[in-house]
Every structure is written in C-alpha cells, then in structure tokens.
Amino acid sequence: MSKNDQFSNVWDALEDDPVRQENLKLRSALMMEIAERIKDQGLTQAQAAEVLHISQPRVSALLKGKINDFRLDTLVDMAHRLGMHVSINVAA
C-alpha cells in the first residue's frame, strides 16, 4: 500500500487481517459505549470497578481505550453489568 491509500476506517489501516479488523471494530464500539455509560451514570473509576467486577486500573485502561487489554466476551459481560443489552447482527 502506498502512503496515499484511503481506508474506510482506522482498523483497516492498522490491521491487514479482515477477521482481526472486525474484532477490533466490535471491541472499539463496545468500549466506547461502556465508557459513555460510565460517564452518563456519573460513576467514579472505583465505583465502575465495583459494578464491573474488575479492578480500578482495568477501568482506567478501558477509559483510555487500551483495546488490546480487553477481549470481546469480557466487554459483553461489562456492558451487561451496566444494564446494557448487546446484540450481534450477522450478515453475509
């Protein structure tokens, strides 16, 4: 790829493997929604850690967007603990 190539999203630019790209997109979307819910509920990092059943440093990593620190299933669990409903739409 040349430096002038256009990408549809940041994950396409950072990752060549389409399977990994899709996983990163899903994790990124969930992380942003979880961070927004924490903010909307006015939770401190310590309070969020208690609700999410994780440590405060893990909450900090989540809020900083450290995507490689979180698996998709872990993020689904966190979303559920915050009262969110996660659904997956599969298309061909």
PDB file of N, CA and C in Angstrom:
ATOM      1  N   MET A   1       0.830  -1.180   0.000  1.00  0.00           N
ATOM      2  CA  MET A   1       0.000   0.000   0.000  1.00  0.00           C
ATOM      3  C   MET A   1       0.872   1.240   0.000  1.00  0.00           C
ATOM      4  N   SER A   2       0.411   2.224  -0.680  1.00  0.00           N
ATOM      5  CA  SER A   2       1.157   3.479  -0.719  1.00  0.00           C
ATOM      6  C   SER A   2       0.651   4.409   0.367  1.00  0.00           C
ATOM      7  N   LYS A   3       1.397   5.473   0.596  1.00  0.00           N
ATOM      8  CA  LYS A   3       1.002   6.414   1.642  1.00  0.00           C
ATOM      9  C   LYS A   3      -0.258   7.191   1.274  1.00  0.00           C
ATOM     10  N   ASN A   4      -0.695   7.110   0.028  1.00  0.00           N
ATOM     11  CA  ASN A   4      -1.892   7.822  -0.414  1.00  0.00           C
ATOM     12  C   ASN A   4      -3.154   6.958  -0.393  1.00  0.00           C
ATOM     13  N   ASP A   5      -3.030   5.686   0.024  1.00  0.00           N
ATOM     14  CA  ASP A   5      -4.196   4.806   0.068  1.00  0.00           C
ATOM     15  C   ASP A   5      -5.231   5.335   1.052  1.00  0.00           C
ATOM     16  N   GLN A   6      -6.503   5.159   0.707  1.00  0.00           N
ATOM     17  CA  GLN A   6      -7.621   5.558   1.562  1.00  0.00           C
ATOM     18  C   GLN A   6      -8.167   4.311   2.261  1.00  0.00           C
ATOM     19  N   PHE A   7      -8.595   4.478   3.498  1.00  0.00           N
ATOM     20  CA  PHE A   7      -9.161   3.376   4.261  1.00  0.00           C
ATOM     21  C   PHE A   7     -10.547   3.778   4.738  1.00  0.00           C
ATOM     22  N   SER A   8     -11.442   2.796   4.825  1.00  0.00           N
ATOM     23  CA  SER A   8     -12.802   3.094   5.267  1.00  0.00           C
ATOM     24  C   SER A   8     -12.872   3.351   6.766  1.00  0.00           C
ATOM     25  N   ASN A   9     -11.910   2.827   7.524  1.00  0.00           N
ATOM     26  CA  ASN A   9     -11.846   3.097   8.955  1.00  0.00           C
ATOM     27  C   ASN A   9     -10.428   2.860   9.449  1.00  0.00           C
ATOM     28  N   VAL A  10     -10.174   3.272  10.656  1.00  0.00           N
ATOM     29  CA  VAL A  10      -8.821   3.197  11.213  1.00  0.00           C
ATOM     30  C   VAL A  10      -8.333   1.758  11.329  1.00  0.00           C
ATOM     31  N   TRP A  11      -9.237   0.813  11.614  1.00  0.00           N
ATOM     32  CA  TRP A  11      -8.808  -0.575  11.790  1.00  0.00           C
ATOM     33  C   TRP A  11      -8.317  -1.176  10.479  1.00  0.00           C
ATOM     34  N   ASP A  12      -8.884  -0.751   9.356  1.00  0.00           N
ATOM     35  CA  ASP A  12      -8.396  -1.219   8.059  1.00  0.00           C
ATOM     36  C   ASP A  12      -6.968  -0.747   7.819  1.00  0.00           C
ATOM     37  N   ALA A  13      -6.654   0.433   8.322  1.00  0.00           N
ATOM     38  CA  ALA A  13      -5.312   0.982   8.146  1.00  0.00           C
ATOM     39  C   ALA A  13      -4.304   0.304   9.065  1.00  0.00           C
ATOM     40  N   LEU A  14      -4.751  -0.109  10.239  1.00  0.00           N
ATOM     41  CA  LEU A  14      -3.833  -0.657  11.240  1.00  0.00           C
ATOM     42  C   LEU A  14      -3.674  -2.165  11.183  1.00  0.00           C
ATOM     43  N   GLU A  15      -4.630  -2.837  10.587  1.00  0.00           N
ATOM     44  CA  GLU A  15      -4.634  -4.295  10.607  1.00  0.00           C
ATOM     45  C   GLU A  15      -4.960  -4.836   9.221  1.00  0.00           C
ATOM     46  N   ASP A  16      -4.108  -5.731   8.714  1.00  0.00           N
ATOM     47  CA  ASP A  16      -4.318  -6.315   7.390  1.00  0.00           C
ATOM     48  C   ASP A  16      -5.331  -7.459   7.390  1.00  0.00           C
ATOM     49  N   ASP A  17      -5.428  -8.179   8.490  1.00  0.00           N
ATOM     50  CA  ASP A  17      -6.304  -9.343   8.581  1.00  0.00           C
ATOM     51  C   ASP A  17      -7.760  -8.899   8.764  1.00  0.00           C
ATOM     52  N   PRO A  18      -8.647  -9.198   7.806  1.00  0.00           N
ATOM     53  CA  PRO A  18     -10.040  -8.757   7.913  1.00  0.00           C
ATOM     54  C   PRO A  18     -10.769  -9.335   9.133  1.00  0.00           C
ATOM     55  N   VAL A  19     -10.393 -10.523   9.565  1.00  0.00           N
ATOM     56  CA  VAL A  19     -11.009 -11.108  10.757  1.00  0.00           C
ATOM     57  C   VAL A  19     -10.640 -10.280  11.981  1.00  0.00           C
ATOM     58  N   ARG A  20      -9.385  -9.947  12.095  1.00  0.00           N
ATOM     59  CA  ARG A  20      -8.920  -9.123  13.223  1.00  0.00           C
ATOM     60  C   ARG A  20      -9.518  -7.716  13.143  1.00  0.00           C
ATOM     61  N   GLN A  21      -9.646  -7.163  11.936  1.00  0.00           N
ATOM     62  CA  GLN A  21     -10.269  -5.843  11.758  1.00  0.00           C
ATOM     63  C   GLN A  21     -11.676  -5.832  12.343  1.00  0.00           C
ATOM     64  N   GLU A  22     -12.448  -6.856  12.022  1.00  0.00           N
ATOM     65  CA  GLU A  22     -13.832  -6.926  12.507  1.00  0.00           C
ATOM     66  C   GLU A  22     -13.871  -7.030  14.024  1.00  0.00           C
ATOM     67  N   ASN A  23     -12.987  -7.829  14.600  1.00  0.00           N
ATOM     68  CA  ASN A  23     -12.925  -7.960  16.050  1.00  0.00           C
ATOM     69  C   ASN A  23     -12.566  -6.631  16.705  1.00  0.00           C
ATOM     70  N   LEU A  24     -11.620  -5.924  16.132  1.00  0.00           N
ATOM     71  CA  LEU A  24     -11.229  -4.616  16.667  1.00  0.00           C
ATOM     72  C   LEU A  24     -12.378  -3.619  16.589  1.00  0.00           C
ATOM     73  N   LYS A  25     -13.120  -3.642  15.484  1.00  0.00           N
ATOM     74  CA  LYS A  25     -14.269  -2.740  15.334  1.00  0.00           C
ATOM     75  C   LYS A  25     -15.306  -2.999  16.425  1.00  0.00           C
ATOM     76  N   LEU A  26     -15.606  -4.269  16.660  1.00  0.00           N
ATOM     77  CA  LEU A  26     -16.594  -4.624  17.677  1.00  0.00           C
ATOM     78  C   LEU A  26     -16.126  -4.232  19.075  1.00  0.00           C
ATOM     79  N   ARG A  27     -14.877  -4.536  19.387  1.00  0.00           N
ATOM     80  CA  ARG A  27     -14.355  -4.182  20.713  1.00  0.00           C
ATOM     81  C   ARG A  27     -14.326  -2.675  20.903  1.00  0.00           C
ATOM     82  N   SER A  28     -13.928  -1.955  19.874  1.00  0.00           N
ATOM     83  CA  SER A  28     -13.880  -0.499  19.951  1.00  0.00           C
ATOM     84  C   SER A  28     -15.264   0.084  20.213  1.00  0.00           C
ATOM     85  N   ALA A  29     -16.260  -0.399  19.478  1.00  0.00           N
ATOM     86  CA  ALA A  29     -17.630   0.095  19.652  1.00  0.00           C
ATOM     87  C   ALA A  29     -18.129  -0.179  21.065  1.00  0.00           C
ATOM     88  N   LEU A  30     -17.885  -1.382  21.559  1.00  0.00           N
ATOM     89  CA  LEU A  30     -18.315  -1.718  22.915  1.00  0.00           C
ATOM     90  C   LEU A  30     -17.594  -0.873  23.956  1.00  0.00           C
ATOM     91  N   MET A  31     -16.304  -0.690  23.787  1.00  0.00           N
ATOM     92  CA  MET A  31     -15.545   0.118  24.744  1.00  0.00           C
ATOM     93  C   MET A  31     -16.072   1.544  24.802  1.00  0.00           C
ATOM     94  N   MET A  32     -16.386   2.113  23.657  1.00  0.00           N
ATOM     95  CA  MET A  32     -16.913   3.482  23.635  1.00  0.00           C
ATOM     96  C   MET A  32     -18.275   3.561  24.312  1.00  0.00           C
ATOM     97  N   GLU A  33     -19.133   2.582  24.064  1.00  0.00           N
ATOM     98  CA  GLU A  33     -20.460   2.572  24.685  1.00  0.00           C
ATOM     99  C   GLU A  33     -20.356   2.385  26.198  1.00  0.00           C
ATOM    100  N   ILE A  34     -19.480   1.504  26.639  1.00  0.00           N
ATOM    101  CA  ILE A  34     -19.289   1.276  28.071  1.00  0.00           C
ATOM    102  C   ILE A  34     -18.752   2.535  28.738  1.00  0.00           C
ATOM    103  N   ALA A  35     -17.769   3.164  28.133  1.00  0.00           N
ATOM    104  CA  ALA A  35     -17.203   4.403  28.689  1.00  0.00           C
ATOM    105  C   ALA A  35     -18.272   5.485  28.783  1.00  0.00           C
ATOM    106  N   GLU A  36     -19.115   5.578  27.767  1.00  0.00           N
ATOM    107  CA  GLU A  36     -20.198   6.569  27.771  1.00  0.00           C
ATOM    108  C   GLU A  36     -21.198   6.272  28.886  1.00  0.00           C
ATOM    109  N   ARG A  37     -21.517   4.997  29.086  1.00  0.00           N
ATOM    110  CA  ARG A  37     -22.462   4.619  30.143  1.00  0.00           C
ATOM    111  C   ARG A  37     -21.881   4.947  31.520  1.00  0.00           C
ATOM    112  N   ILE A  38     -20.603   4.684  31.720  1.00  0.00           N
ATOM    113  CA  ILE A  38     -19.949   5.023  32.990  1.00  0.00           C
ATOM    114  C   ILE A  38     -20.053   6.525  33.238  1.00  0.00           C
ATOM    115  N   LYS A  39     -19.783   7.302  32.205  1.00  0.00           N
ATOM    116  CA  LYS A  39     -19.869   8.767  32.310  1.00  0.00           C
ATOM    117  C   LYS A  39     -21.302   9.209  32.600  1.00  0.00           C
ATOM    118  N   ASP A  40     -22.261   8.664  31.838  1.00  0.00           N
ATOM    119  CA  ASP A  40     -23.664   9.042  31.996  1.00  0.00           C
ATOM    120  C   ASP A  40     -24.192   8.723  33.393  1.00  0.00           C
ATOM    121  N   GLN A  41     -23.703   7.630  33.976  1.00  0.00           N
ATOM    122  CA  GLN A  41     -24.144   7.245  35.312  1.00  0.00           C
ATOM    123  C   GLN A  41     -23.378   7.991  36.406  1.00  0.00           C
ATOM    124  N   GLY A  42     -22.397   8.795  35.998  1.00  0.00           N
ATOM    125  CA  GLY A  42     -21.631   9.578  36.960  1.00  0.00           C
ATOM    126  C   GLY A  42     -20.786   8.736  37.899  1.00  0.00           C
ATOM    127  N   LEU A  43     -20.345   7.585  37.422  1.00  0.00           N
ATOM    128  CA  LEU A  43     -19.556   6.685  38.260  1.00  0.00           C
ATOM    129  C   LEU A  43     -18.092   7.105  38.303  1.00  0.00           C
ATOM    130  N   THR A  44     -17.508   7.019  39.476  1.00  0.00           N
ATOM    131  CA  THR A  44     -16.061   7.170  39.576  1.00  0.00           C
ATOM    132  C   THR A  44     -15.440   5.879  39.059  1.00  0.00           C
ATOM    133  N   GLN A  45     -14.141   5.886  38.844  1.00  0.00           N
ATOM    134  CA  GLN A  45     -13.476   4.660  38.402  1.00  0.00           C
ATOM    135  C   GLN A  45     -13.615   3.566  39.452  1.00  0.00           C
ATOM    136  N   ALA A  46     -13.539   3.927  40.718  1.00  0.00           N
ATOM    137  CA  ALA A  46     -13.682   2.938  41.794  1.00  0.00           C
ATOM    138  C   ALA A  46     -15.093   2.349  41.801  1.00  0.00           C
ATOM    139  N   GLN A  47     -16.098   3.191  41.623  1.00  0.00           N
ATOM    140  CA  GLN A  47     -17.480   2.707  41.575  1.00  0.00           C
ATOM    141  C   GLN A  47     -17.707   1.824  40.352  1.00  0.00           C
ATOM    142  N   ALA A  48     -17.176   2.245  39.221  1.00  0.00           N
ATOM    143  CA  ALA A  48     -17.307   1.453  37.998  1.00  0.00           C
ATOM    144  C   ALA A  48     -16.630   0.097  38.169  1.00  0.00           C
ATOM    145  N   ALA A  49     -15.481   0.084  38.812  1.00  0.00           N
ATOM    146  CA  ALA A  49     -14.765  -1.171  39.046  1.00  0.00           C
ATOM    147  C   ALA A  49     -15.619  -2.137  39.860  1.00  0.00           C
ATOM    148  N   GLU A  50     -16.294  -1.611  40.866  1.00  0.00           N
ATOM    149  CA  GLU A  50     -17.153  -2.450  41.703  1.00  0.00           C
ATOM    150  C   GLU A  50     -18.315  -3.021  40.889  1.00  0.00           C
ATOM    151  N   VAL A  51     -18.963  -2.180  40.106  1.00  0.00           N
ATOM    152  CA  VAL A  51     -20.093  -2.617  39.274  1.00  0.00           C
ATOM    153  C   VAL A  51     -19.639  -3.648  38.240  1.00  0.00           C
ATOM    154  N   LEU A  52     -18.479  -3.413  37.640  1.00  0.00           N
ATOM    155  CA  LEU A  52     -17.989  -4.262  36.554  1.00  0.00           C
ATOM    156  C   LEU A  52     -17.243  -5.504  37.031  1.00  0.00           C
ATOM    157  N   HIS A  53     -16.983  -5.584  38.339  1.00  0.00           N
ATOM    158  CA  HIS A  53     -16.240  -6.710  38.927  1.00  0.00           C
ATOM    159  C   HIS A  53     -14.814  -6.788  38.381  1.00  0.00           C
ATOM    160  N   ILE A  54     -14.206  -5.626  38.233  1.00  0.00           N
ATOM    161  CA  ILE A  54     -12.815  -5.543  37.794  1.00  0.00           C
ATOM    162  C   ILE A  54     -12.086  -4.552  38.694  1.00  0.00           C
ATOM    163  N   SER A  55     -10.787  -4.445  38.530  1.00  0.00           N
ATOM    164  CA  SER A  55     -10.007  -3.504  39.334  1.00  0.00           C
ATOM    165  C   SER A  55     -10.103  -2.091  38.758  1.00  0.00           C
ATOM    166  N   GLN A  56      -9.802  -1.108  39.591  1.00  0.00           N
ATOM    167  CA  GLN A  56      -9.807   0.282  39.130  1.00  0.00           C
ATOM    168  C   GLN A  56      -8.796   0.499  38.014  1.00  0.00           C
ATOM    169  N   PRO A  57      -7.581  -0.102  38.086  1.00  0.00           N
ATOM    170  CA  PRO A  57      -6.658   0.070  36.955  1.00  0.00           C
ATOM    171  C   PRO A  57      -7.215  -0.477  35.632  1.00  0.00           C
ATOM    172  N   ARG A  58      -8.044  -1.537  35.707  1.00  0.00           N
ATOM    173  CA  ARG A  58      -8.673  -2.056  34.480  1.00  0.00           C
ATOM    174  C   ARG A  58      -9.694  -1.058  33.938  1.00  0.00           C
ATOM    175  N   VAL A  59     -10.426  -0.390  34.837  1.00  0.00           N
ATOM    176  CA  VAL A  59     -11.364   0.649  34.402  1.00  0.00           C
ATOM    177  C   VAL A  59     -10.590   1.766  33.721  1.00  0.00           C
ATOM    178  N   SER A  60      -9.471   2.147  34.314  1.00  0.00           N
ATOM    179  CA  SER A  60      -8.636   3.194  33.730  1.00  0.00           C
ATOM    180  C   SER A  60      -8.188   2.808  32.322  1.00  0.00           C
ATOM    181  N   ALA A  61      -7.751   1.559  32.159  1.00  0.00           N
ATOM    182  CA  ALA A  61      -7.321   1.079  30.835  1.00  0.00           C
ATOM    183  C   ALA A  61      -8.481   1.125  29.844  1.00  0.00           C
ATOM    184  N   LEU A  62      -9.664   0.747  30.302  1.00  0.00           N
ATOM    185  CA  LEU A  62     -10.858   0.794  29.454  1.00  0.00           C
ATOM    186  C   LEU A  62     -11.139   2.218  29.001  1.00  0.00           C
ATOM    187  N   LEU A  63     -11.119   3.154  29.939  1.00  0.00           N
ATOM    188  CA  LEU A  63     -11.431   4.545  29.623  1.00  0.00           C
ATOM    189  C   LEU A  63     -10.361   5.202  28.753  1.00  0.00           C
ATOM    190  N   LYS A  64      -9.147   4.669  28.810  1.00  0.00           N
ATOM    191  CA  LYS A  64      -8.062   5.178  27.965  1.00  0.00           C
ATOM    192  C   LYS A  64      -8.055   4.522  26.585  1.00  0.00           C
ATOM    193  N   GLY A  65      -8.973   3.572  26.377  1.00  0.00           N
ATOM    194  CA  GLY A  65      -9.083   2.938  25.067  1.00  0.00           C
ATOM    195  C   GLY A  65      -8.021   1.900  24.766  1.00  0.00           C
ATOM    196  N   LYS A  66      -7.480   1.271  25.788  1.00  0.00           N
ATOM    197  CA  LYS A  66      -6.441   0.252  25.583  1.00  0.00           C
ATOM    198  C   LYS A  66      -7.093  -1.042  25.095  1.00  0.00           C
ATOM    199  N   ILE A  67      -7.418  -1.041  23.835  1.00  0.00           N
ATOM    200  CA  ILE A  67      -8.228  -2.095  23.225  1.00  0.00           C
ATOM    201  C   ILE A  67      -7.603  -3.485  23.329  1.00  0.00           C
ATOM    202  N   ASN A  68      -6.297  -3.576  23.270  1.00  0.00           N
ATOM    203  CA  ASN A  68      -5.643  -4.881  23.326  1.00  0.00           C
ATOM    204  C   ASN A  68      -5.692  -5.517  24.708  1.00  0.00           C
ATOM    205  N   ASP A  69      -6.147  -4.758  25.707  1.00  0.00           N
ATOM    206  CA  ASP A  69      -6.260  -5.289  27.064  1.00  0.00           C
ATOM    207  C   ASP A  69      -7.592  -5.991  27.313  1.00  0.00           C
ATOM    208  N   PHE A  70      -8.506  -5.964  26.330  1.00  0.00           N
ATOM    209  CA  PHE A  70      -9.859  -6.472  26.555  1.00  0.00           C
ATOM    210  C   PHE A  70     -10.315  -7.394  25.437  1.00  0.00           C
ATOM    211  N   ARG A  71     -10.886  -8.538  25.850  1.00  0.00           N
ATOM    212  CA  ARG A  71     -11.470  -9.474  24.896  1.00  0.00           C
ATOM    213  C   ARG A  71     -12.935  -9.115  24.685  1.00  0.00           C
ATOM    214  N   LEU A  72     -13.471  -9.528  23.582  1.00  0.00           N
ATOM    215  CA  LEU A  72     -14.857  -9.231  23.243  1.00  0.00           C
ATOM    216  C   LEU A  72     -15.823  -9.774  24.298  1.00  0.00           C
ATOM    217  N   ASP A  73     -15.628 -11.002  24.740  1.00  0.00           N
ATOM    218  CA  ASP A  73     -16.545 -11.579  25.724  1.00  0.00           C
ATOM    219  C   ASP A  73     -16.492 -10.835  27.054  1.00  0.00           C
ATOM    220  N   THR A  74     -15.323 -10.345  27.429  1.00  0.00           N
ATOM    221  CA  THR A  74     -15.184  -9.562  28.656  1.00  0.00           C
ATOM    222  C   THR A  74     -15.965  -8.263  28.544  1.00  0.00           C
ATOM    223  N   LEU A  75     -15.895  -7.619  27.399  1.00  0.00           N
ATOM    224  CA  LEU A  75     -16.620  -6.365  27.185  1.00  0.00           C
ATOM    225  C   LEU A  75     -18.130  -6.584  27.176  1.00  0.00           C
ATOM    226  N   VAL A  76     -18.583  -7.698  26.633  1.00  0.00           N
ATOM    227  CA  VAL A  76     -20.013  -8.021  26.660  1.00  0.00           C
ATOM    228  C   VAL A  76     -20.472  -8.180  28.109  1.00  0.00           C
ATOM    229  N   ASP A  77     -19.678  -8.868  28.920  1.00  0.00           N
ATOM    230  CA  ASP A  77     -20.002  -9.024  30.342  1.00  0.00           C
ATOM    231  C   ASP A  77     -20.094  -7.665  31.033  1.00  0.00           C
ATOM    232  N   MET A  78     -19.148  -6.783  30.757  1.00  0.00           N
ATOM    233  CA  MET A  78     -19.144  -5.454  31.369  1.00  0.00           C
ATOM    234  C   MET A  78     -20.383  -4.669  30.967  1.00  0.00           C
ATOM    235  N   ALA A  79     -20.723  -4.711  29.699  1.00  0.00           N
ATOM    236  CA  ALA A  79     -21.902  -3.993  29.217  1.00  0.00           C
ATOM    237  C   ALA A  79     -23.153  -4.496  29.934  1.00  0.00           C
ATOM    238  N   HIS A  80     -23.263  -5.793  30.084  1.00  0.00           N
ATOM    239  CA  HIS A  80     -24.412  -6.378  30.774  1.00  0.00           C
ATOM    240  C   HIS A  80     -24.480  -5.894  32.223  1.00  0.00           C
ATOM    241  N   ARG A  81     -23.348  -5.845  32.888  1.00  0.00           N
ATOM    242  CA  ARG A  81     -23.316  -5.394  34.289  1.00  0.00           C
ATOM    243  C   ARG A  81     -23.727  -3.929  34.435  1.00  0.00           C
ATOM    244  N   LEU A  82     -23.597  -3.171  33.356  1.00  0.00           N
ATOM    245  CA  LEU A  82     -24.020  -1.767  33.363  1.00  0.00           C
ATOM    246  C   LEU A  82     -25.468  -1.601  32.896  1.00  0.00           C
ATOM    247  N   GLY A  83     -26.158  -2.726  32.702  1.00  0.00           N
ATOM    248  CA  GLY A  83     -27.560  -2.672  32.302  1.00  0.00           C
ATOM    249  C   GLY A  83     -27.780  -2.494  30.816  1.00  0.00           C
ATOM    250  N   MET A  84     -26.754  -2.755  30.042  1.00  0.00           N
ATOM    251  CA  MET A  84     -26.850  -2.612  28.597  1.00  0.00           C
ATOM    252  C   MET A  84     -27.208  -3.959  27.971  1.00  0.00           C
ATOM    253  N   HIS A  85     -27.856  -3.899  26.820  1.00  0.00           N
ATOM    254  CA  HIS A  85     -28.172  -5.101  26.051  1.00  0.00           C
ATOM    255  C   HIS A  85     -27.263  -5.117  24.824  1.00  0.00           C
ATOM    256  N   VAL A  86     -26.549  -6.206  24.645  1.00  0.00           N
ATOM    257  CA  VAL A  86     -25.653  -6.344  23.497  1.00  0.00           C
ATOM    258  C   VAL A  86     -26.247  -7.383  22.557  1.00  0.00           C
ATOM    259  N   SER A  87     -26.367  -7.021  21.292  1.00  0.00           N
ATOM    260  CA  SER A  87     -26.831  -7.976  20.295  1.00  0.00           C
ATOM    261  C   SER A  87     -25.856  -7.963  19.128  1.00  0.00           C
ATOM    262  N   ILE A  88     -25.834  -9.073  18.433  1.00  0.00           N
ATOM    263  CA  ILE A  88     -24.936  -9.203  17.292  1.00  0.00           C
ATOM    264  C   ILE A  88     -25.781  -9.395  16.044  1.00  0.00           C
ATOM    265  N   ASN A  89     -25.478  -8.620  15.032  1.00  0.00           N
ATOM    266  CA  ASN A  89     -26.148  -8.730  13.748  1.00  0.00           C
ATOM    267  C   ASN A  89     -25.169  -9.379  12.778  1.00  0.00           C
ATOM    268  N   VAL A  90     -25.514 -10.545  12.289  1.00  0.00           N
ATOM    269  CA  VAL A  90     -24.647 -11.263  11.363  1.00  0.00           C
ATOM    270  C   VAL A  90     -25.220 -11.126   9.957  1.00  0.00           C
ATOM    271  N   ALA A  91     -24.384 -10.689   9.033  1.00  0.00           N
ATOM    272  CA  ALA A  91     -24.819 -10.523   7.645  1.00  0.00           C
ATOM    273  C   ALA A  91     -23.814 -11.174   6.710  1.00  0.00           C
ATOM    274  N   ALA A  92     -24.294 -11.632   5.592  1.00  0.00           N
ATOM    275  CA  ALA A  92     -23.411 -12.257   4.604  1.00  0.00           C
ATOM    276  C   ALA A  92     -22.899 -11.222   3.638  1.00  0.00           C
TER     277      ALA A  92
END
